[in-house]
């Protein structure tokens, strides 16, 4: 369950999201995010009851980015380095990461991975909606080393990175998806996210 939750959250970040400038991230921020993810997962493992009140967990861009830096490295796909996420509005998320294409080539079957070498910055901007237990992502723009790339190329990369036994085709950017851990809704506001279960 933890890996599915993290894959979904990482997929949302990678699929939909700009540079977080000037954040002095701390291990304590990452530890808070790790605890919040554990709480979300624990609630997701509980059997829902019809009359149960919804419960919310909120976190900031800072906590997410610190988690990726200090706590979540082992959970990141091979070759993804220093991902950073910024919630820009109630629907828009920007993300960036350095990607080691040589590591991707070793871990991936993607045709694209064989064409490129070295490390390159990937930036993605998109919108996300998540309500009634379903989420959707729409890519607004994506760049690889500052060069615009089509959403289909981004989809190839994301699907290769996110393949699991549960998701053999990986995360599909253009299709609605079930939110994990009994999450009913995700509310965004600049700099913060609230998960409702």
Protein backbone atom coordinates (compact mmCIF):
# COMPACT_ATOMS: atom_id res chain seq x y z
CA UNK A 1 0.00 0.00 0.00
CA UNK A 2 2.83 2.43 0.87
CA UNK A 3 4.47 1.92 -2.51
CA UNK A 4 1.17 2.43 -4.35
CA UNK A 5 0.49 5.61 -2.36
CA UNK A 6 4.00 6.93 -3.01
CA UNK A 7 3.85 5.98 -6.69
CA UNK A 8 0.55 7.82 -7.03
CA UNK A 9 1.83 10.91 -5.20
CA UNK A 10 5.08 10.84 -7.17
CA UNK A 11 3.15 10.29 -10.38
CA UNK A 12 1.01 13.30 -9.60
CA UNK A 13 4.08 15.36 -8.86
CA UNK A 14 6.03 14.24 -11.90
CA UNK A 15 3.01 14.33 -14.16
CA UNK A 16 1.57 17.64 -13.18
CA UNK A 17 3.97 19.89 -11.70
CA UNK A 18 7.93 24.35 -11.22
CA UNK A 19 10.97 24.95 -9.38
CA UNK A 20 10.90 25.42 -5.62
CA UNK A 21 13.30 28.28 -5.15
CA UNK A 22 15.17 29.09 -1.98
CA UNK A 23 13.73 26.46 0.35
CA UNK A 24 16.01 25.55 3.23
CA UNK A 25 14.68 22.02 3.68
CA UNK A 26 15.30 20.19 6.94
CA UNK A 27 15.22 16.56 8.02
CA UNK A 28 12.50 17.51 10.54
CA UNK A 29 10.29 18.66 7.62
CA UNK A 30 10.86 15.32 5.90
CA UNK A 31 10.15 13.39 9.08
CA UNK A 32 6.83 15.25 9.51
CA UNK A 33 5.86 14.30 5.96
CA UNK A 34 6.85 10.67 6.57
CA UNK A 35 4.61 10.62 9.65
CA UNK A 36 1.73 12.16 7.68
CA UNK A 37 2.13 9.55 4.93
CA UNK A 38 2.09 6.82 7.59
CA UNK A 39 -1.13 8.30 9.01
CA UNK A 40 -2.74 8.42 5.55
CA UNK A 41 -1.70 4.82 4.90
CA UNK A 42 -2.98 3.62 8.31
CA UNK A 43 -6.36 5.26 7.70
CA UNK A 44 -6.40 3.71 4.24
CA UNK A 45 -5.98 0.26 5.76
CA UNK A 46 -9.01 0.71 8.02
CA UNK A 47 -12.35 -0.65 6.86
CA UNK A 48 -14.52 2.37 6.02
CA UNK A 49 -17.83 2.64 7.85
CA UNK A 50 -20.85 4.40 6.34
CA UNK A 51 -21.18 6.93 9.17
CA UNK A 52 -17.48 7.61 9.71
CA UNK A 53 -16.57 11.29 9.64
CA UNK A 54 -14.00 12.28 7.05
CA UNK A 55 -10.48 12.96 8.27
CA UNK A 56 -8.02 15.40 6.73
CA UNK A 57 -4.23 15.49 6.60
CA UNK A 58 -2.52 18.66 5.35
CA UNK A 59 1.08 19.15 4.29
CA UNK A 60 3.16 21.83 2.62
CA UNK A 61 5.39 21.91 -0.45
CA UNK A 62 8.29 22.26 1.96
CA UNK A 63 7.41 19.01 3.76
CA UNK A 64 6.96 17.11 0.48
CA UNK A 65 10.27 18.37 -0.92
CA UNK A 66 12.11 17.61 2.34
CA UNK A 67 10.60 14.11 2.32
CA UNK A 68 11.94 13.52 -1.20
CA UNK A 69 15.36 14.81 -0.14
CA UNK A 70 15.78 13.02 3.20
CA UNK A 71 13.26 10.21 3.58
CA UNK A 72 12.02 9.09 0.20
CA UNK A 73 15.17 8.60 -1.88
CA UNK A 74 14.80 4.82 -1.82
CA UNK A 75 11.19 5.19 -3.03
CA UNK A 76 12.10 7.31 -6.06
CA UNK A 77 12.45 5.75 -9.51
CA UNK A 78 15.99 4.95 -10.64
CA UNK A 79 17.76 8.06 -11.93
CA UNK A 80 15.43 10.69 -10.42
CA UNK A 81 17.44 13.16 -8.36
CA UNK A 82 16.21 16.03 -6.17
CA UNK A 83 12.56 16.28 -7.23
CA UNK A 84 10.82 19.47 -6.15
CA UNK A 85 7.11 20.25 -6.23
CA UNK A 86 5.25 23.56 -5.97
CA UNK A 87 1.47 23.89 -5.65
CA UNK A 88 0.67 27.05 -7.61
CA UNK A 89 -3.13 27.23 -7.26
CA UNK A 90 -6.19 25.16 -6.42
CA UNK A 91 -5.61 23.03 -9.54
CA UNK A 92 -2.06 23.68 -10.79
CA UNK A 93 1.13 21.95 -9.69
CA UNK A 94 4.62 22.48 -11.07
CA UNK A 95 7.51 20.02 -10.63
CA UNK A 96 11.13 19.67 -11.57
CA UNK A 97 13.77 17.02 -11.09
CA UNK A 98 17.19 16.14 -12.37
CA UNK A 99 17.12 12.84 -14.23
CA UNK A 100 20.21 10.67 -14.73
CA UNK A 101 19.46 9.32 -18.19
CA UNK A 102 22.24 6.73 -17.96
CA UNK A 103 20.56 5.24 -14.87
CA UNK A 104 17.19 5.40 -16.65
CA UNK A 105 18.63 3.54 -19.63
CA UNK A 106 19.90 0.73 -17.38
CA UNK A 107 16.55 0.40 -15.56
CA UNK A 108 14.15 1.06 -18.43
CA UNK A 109 12.89 -0.56 -21.61
CA UNK A 110 11.96 2.87 -23.02
CA UNK A 111 13.11 3.57 -26.57
CA UNK A 112 13.82 7.16 -25.53
CA UNK A 113 16.25 6.11 -22.82
CA UNK A 114 18.66 4.76 -25.45
CA UNK A 115 18.83 8.07 -27.29
CA UNK A 116 19.96 10.39 -24.50
CA UNK A 117 22.86 10.41 -22.04
CA UNK A 118 23.98 12.30 -18.94
CA UNK A 119 21.84 14.24 -16.48
CA UNK A 120 19.11 16.62 -17.56
CA UNK A 121 16.51 18.75 -15.82
CA UNK A 122 12.89 17.78 -16.40
CA UNK A 123 10.13 20.32 -15.67
CA UNK A 124 6.42 19.63 -15.82
CA UNK A 125 3.44 21.88 -15.24
CA UNK A 126 -0.10 20.58 -15.11
CA UNK A 127 -3.46 20.58 -13.45
CA UNK A 128 -4.89 17.99 -11.13
CA UNK A 129 -8.36 17.34 -9.86
CA UNK A 130 -9.08 14.71 -7.23
CA UNK A 131 -12.59 14.17 -5.92
CA UNK A 132 -15.01 11.31 -5.23
CA UNK A 133 -12.10 8.86 -4.99
CA UNK A 134 -10.85 9.60 -8.54
CA UNK A 135 -8.05 11.78 -9.88
CA UNK A 136 -7.26 13.27 -13.26
CA UNK A 137 -4.13 14.98 -14.56
CA UNK A 138 -3.76 17.33 -17.52
CA UNK A 139 -0.27 18.26 -18.68
CA UNK A 140 0.12 21.94 -19.55
CA UNK A 141 3.81 21.87 -20.46
CA UNK A 142 6.89 19.69 -20.14
CA UNK A 143 10.55 20.32 -20.90
CA UNK A 144 13.61 18.10 -21.03
CA UNK A 145 16.80 20.13 -20.61
CA UNK A 146 14.82 23.28 -21.41
CA UNK A 147 13.46 21.86 -24.67
CA UNK A 148 9.67 21.45 -24.87
CA UNK A 149 8.57 17.83 -25.22
CA UNK A 150 5.13 16.44 -26.14
CA UNK A 151 2.91 14.87 -23.49
CA UNK A 152 3.21 11.50 -25.31
CA UNK A 153 6.97 11.44 -24.67
CA UNK A 154 6.40 12.36 -21.03
CA UNK A 155 3.82 9.55 -20.83
CA UNK A 156 6.41 7.07 -22.09
CA UNK A 157 8.85 8.12 -19.36
CA UNK A 158 6.21 8.15 -16.59
CA UNK A 159 4.78 4.76 -17.55
CA UNK A 160 8.26 3.18 -17.59
CA UNK A 161 9.08 4.63 -14.18
CA UNK A 162 5.80 3.69 -12.53
CA UNK A 163 5.30 0.08 -13.67
CA UNK A 164 4.48 -2.28 -10.81
CA UNK A 165 2.78 -5.68 -10.57
CA UNK A 166 -0.40 -3.79 -9.63
CA UNK A 167 0.05 -1.28 -12.51
CA UNK A 168 1.79 -3.27 -15.31
CA UNK A 169 1.35 -0.39 -17.78
CA UNK A 170 2.44 2.22 -15.25
CA UNK A 171 0.69 5.45 -14.38
CA UNK A 172 -1.35 6.72 -17.34
CA UNK A 173 -1.42 10.51 -17.52
CA UNK A 174 -4.43 10.74 -19.81
CA UNK A 175 -6.76 8.46 -17.84
CA UNK A 176 -8.70 8.97 -14.58
CA UNK A 177 -7.24 6.91 -11.76
CA UNK A 178 -8.41 5.60 -8.40
CA UNK A 179 -6.98 7.47 -5.45
CA UNK A 180 -5.17 5.11 -3.05
CA UNK A 181 -5.66 4.62 0.70
CA UNK A 182 -9.39 5.43 0.70
CA UNK A 183 -8.60 9.03 -0.25
CA UNK A 184 -11.83 10.74 -1.26
CA UNK A 185 -10.52 14.17 -2.20
CA UNK A 186 -7.32 16.17 -2.54
CA UNK A 187 -7.57 19.93 -2.04
CA UNK A 188 -4.83 22.20 -3.30
CA UNK A 189 -3.98 25.77 -2.41
CA UNK A 190 -0.74 27.65 -3.10
CA UNK A 191 2.02 25.94 -1.16
CA UNK A 192 -0.13 23.25 0.46
CA UNK A 193 -2.20 20.09 -0.03
CA UNK A 194 -5.01 18.59 2.08
CA UNK A 195 -5.89 14.91 1.70
CA UNK A 196 -9.42 13.94 2.75
CA UNK A 197 -10.18 10.31 3.63
